[in-house]
Every structure is written in structure tokens, then in C-alpha cells.
């Protein structure tokens, strides 16, 4: 089976999954991942790297797509992802879930895209 066939099968399966189909432990882990990532963003806000990221954020153009989480300001989707993910990684917390560091890539992207 080719990679595109595998991707198509996974996409078909994923498009049919209902919330009720997801095991409770998976839902709980997903919630924990989001909460841990948001905690890392807020903790990173006060760090030295967080201060540098905040300086960059001051120069961003206001937008309407997504929120700079600790600050509450709205900017473009790309700018929100840059700042929020930068803050999430400022203290180099490892948010390993299922063998990978996925908080900024999954939780923050999903939140920002959902907000947009």
C-alpha cells in the first residue's frame, strides 16, 4: 500500500470518528495536554526568553485572527502561533505525550485555528 493510500484511509477513518467513539482516557490525556501547554505559555511569559518574545509581539500588527494567550491581544494567526509557541518553549518544558513533544504543535495550533 502506498503512502497516499495509507493517508487516504486514515483521513477517511478520522472524518468518521465521533466524540463518543474516543476512549475516555484519550479525552483525558488530550485535556491534560492542552492544560499543560497553556501552563507552559503562562510560565514562559515571565522568563527571560518570554520577555524577548513579548518585545517582538509589541511590533506585530493588530489583527483579528487569534489571541496572544497571556496578553489577550489579537493578531494574525501566524503571529499568534509564533508568540504563543515561543512562550510555550521558553522554559524548555518537555511535554511528551505518546513519545513526542506535541503541545505547541497540536494544542496551540488547534486553539488558534479554531479561534480564527
Protein backbone atom coordinates (compact mmCIF):
# COMPACT_ATOMS: atom_id res chain seq x y z
CA UNK A 1 0.00 0.00 0.00
CA UNK A 2 1.40 3.42 -0.97
CA UNK A 3 1.81 6.30 1.43
CA UNK A 4 -1.03 8.22 -0.24
CA UNK A 5 -3.33 5.22 0.15
CA UNK A 6 -2.47 4.95 3.83
CA UNK A 7 -3.08 8.68 4.28
CA UNK A 8 -6.42 8.42 2.49
CA UNK A 9 -7.52 5.54 4.72
CA UNK A 10 -6.51 7.39 7.88
CA UNK A 11 -8.29 10.54 6.69
CA UNK A 12 -11.44 8.57 5.90
CA UNK A 13 -11.38 6.93 9.33
CA UNK A 14 -10.70 10.23 11.12
CA UNK A 15 -13.53 12.00 9.30
CA UNK A 16 -15.99 9.45 10.64
CA UNK A 17 -14.86 9.42 14.29
CA UNK A 18 -17.39 10.86 16.71
CA UNK A 19 -16.55 12.25 20.12
CA UNK A 20 -18.42 9.35 21.70
CA UNK A 21 -16.08 6.92 19.90
CA UNK A 22 -12.97 8.30 21.61
CA UNK A 23 -11.94 6.38 24.74
CA UNK A 24 -12.27 8.40 27.95
CA UNK A 25 -8.56 8.03 28.77
CA UNK A 26 -7.67 9.57 25.39
CA UNK A 27 -10.00 12.52 26.02
CA UNK A 28 -8.48 12.99 29.48
CA UNK A 29 -4.92 12.92 28.08
CA UNK A 30 -5.88 15.45 25.38
CA UNK A 31 -7.32 17.78 28.03
CA UNK A 32 -4.18 17.39 30.14
CA UNK A 33 -2.02 18.18 27.10
CA UNK A 34 -3.94 21.41 26.45
CA UNK A 35 -3.78 22.46 30.12
CA UNK A 36 -0.07 21.66 30.39
CA UNK A 37 0.68 23.61 27.24
CA UNK A 38 -1.31 26.64 28.43
CA UNK A 39 0.55 26.48 31.75
CA UNK A 40 3.87 26.45 29.87
CA UNK A 41 2.79 29.51 27.85
CA UNK A 42 1.92 31.44 31.00
CA UNK A 43 5.08 30.34 32.82
CA UNK A 44 7.22 31.23 29.80
CA UNK A 45 5.70 34.70 29.72
CA UNK A 46 7.71 35.70 32.79
CA UNK A 47 11.04 34.19 31.68
CA UNK A 48 13.96 35.97 30.04
CA UNK A 49 13.10 34.40 26.68
CA UNK A 50 9.46 35.29 27.30
CA UNK A 51 10.45 38.93 27.67
CA UNK A 52 12.22 38.76 24.30
CA UNK A 53 9.18 37.16 22.70
CA UNK A 54 6.98 39.87 24.21
CA UNK A 55 9.23 42.57 22.73
CA UNK A 56 8.69 41.01 19.31
CA UNK A 57 4.94 40.83 19.97
CA UNK A 58 4.83 44.60 20.56
CA UNK A 59 5.89 45.15 16.96
CA UNK A 60 3.20 42.91 15.47
CA UNK A 61 0.33 44.35 13.55
CA UNK A 62 -3.02 44.09 15.30
CA UNK A 63 -5.28 41.51 13.75
CA UNK A 64 -8.44 39.64 14.34
CA UNK A 65 -7.48 36.03 13.81
CA UNK A 66 -6.17 34.73 17.12
CA UNK A 67 -5.22 35.77 20.64
CA UNK A 68 -1.80 36.19 22.21
CA UNK A 69 -2.75 33.96 25.13
CA UNK A 70 -1.19 35.66 28.14
CA UNK A 71 -1.69 39.18 26.81
CA UNK A 72 -5.19 38.97 25.36
CA UNK A 73 -4.28 40.98 22.26
CA UNK A 74 -5.50 39.77 18.89
CA UNK A 75 -3.10 39.41 15.96
CA UNK A 76 -2.80 37.41 12.76
CA UNK A 77 -2.90 33.63 13.01
CA UNK A 78 0.80 33.34 12.12
CA UNK A 79 1.84 35.96 14.66
CA UNK A 80 -0.24 34.34 17.42
CA UNK A 81 1.36 30.98 16.69
CA UNK A 82 4.85 32.49 16.71
CA UNK A 83 4.38 34.21 20.05
CA UNK A 84 2.34 31.53 21.81
CA UNK A 85 4.60 28.69 20.68
CA UNK A 86 7.69 30.74 21.57
CA UNK A 87 6.35 31.27 25.07
CA UNK A 88 5.42 27.59 25.39
CA UNK A 89 9.04 26.64 24.65
CA UNK A 90 10.69 29.49 26.59
CA UNK A 91 11.41 27.35 29.66
CA UNK A 92 12.16 24.25 27.57
CA UNK A 93 9.47 22.18 29.27
CA UNK A 94 9.15 18.75 27.72
CA UNK A 95 5.51 17.96 27.15
CA UNK A 96 5.95 14.43 25.91
CA UNK A 97 2.79 12.62 25.01
CA UNK A 98 2.91 9.36 23.11
CA UNK A 99 6.68 9.66 22.67
CA UNK A 100 6.76 13.15 21.17
CA UNK A 101 6.72 16.76 22.25
CA UNK A 102 3.43 17.88 20.80
CA UNK A 103 1.88 20.60 22.93
CA UNK A 104 2.73 23.67 20.88
CA UNK A 105 2.29 21.86 17.60
CA UNK A 106 -1.05 20.32 18.46
CA UNK A 107 -2.76 22.22 21.27
CA UNK A 108 -1.76 25.77 20.36
CA UNK A 109 -2.25 25.34 16.63
CA UNK A 110 -5.67 23.76 17.15
CA UNK A 111 -6.73 26.54 19.53
CA UNK A 112 -5.57 29.32 17.18
CA UNK A 113 -7.07 27.78 14.06
CA UNK A 114 -10.31 27.11 15.92
CA UNK A 115 -10.38 30.69 17.12
CA UNK A 116 -9.87 32.02 13.60
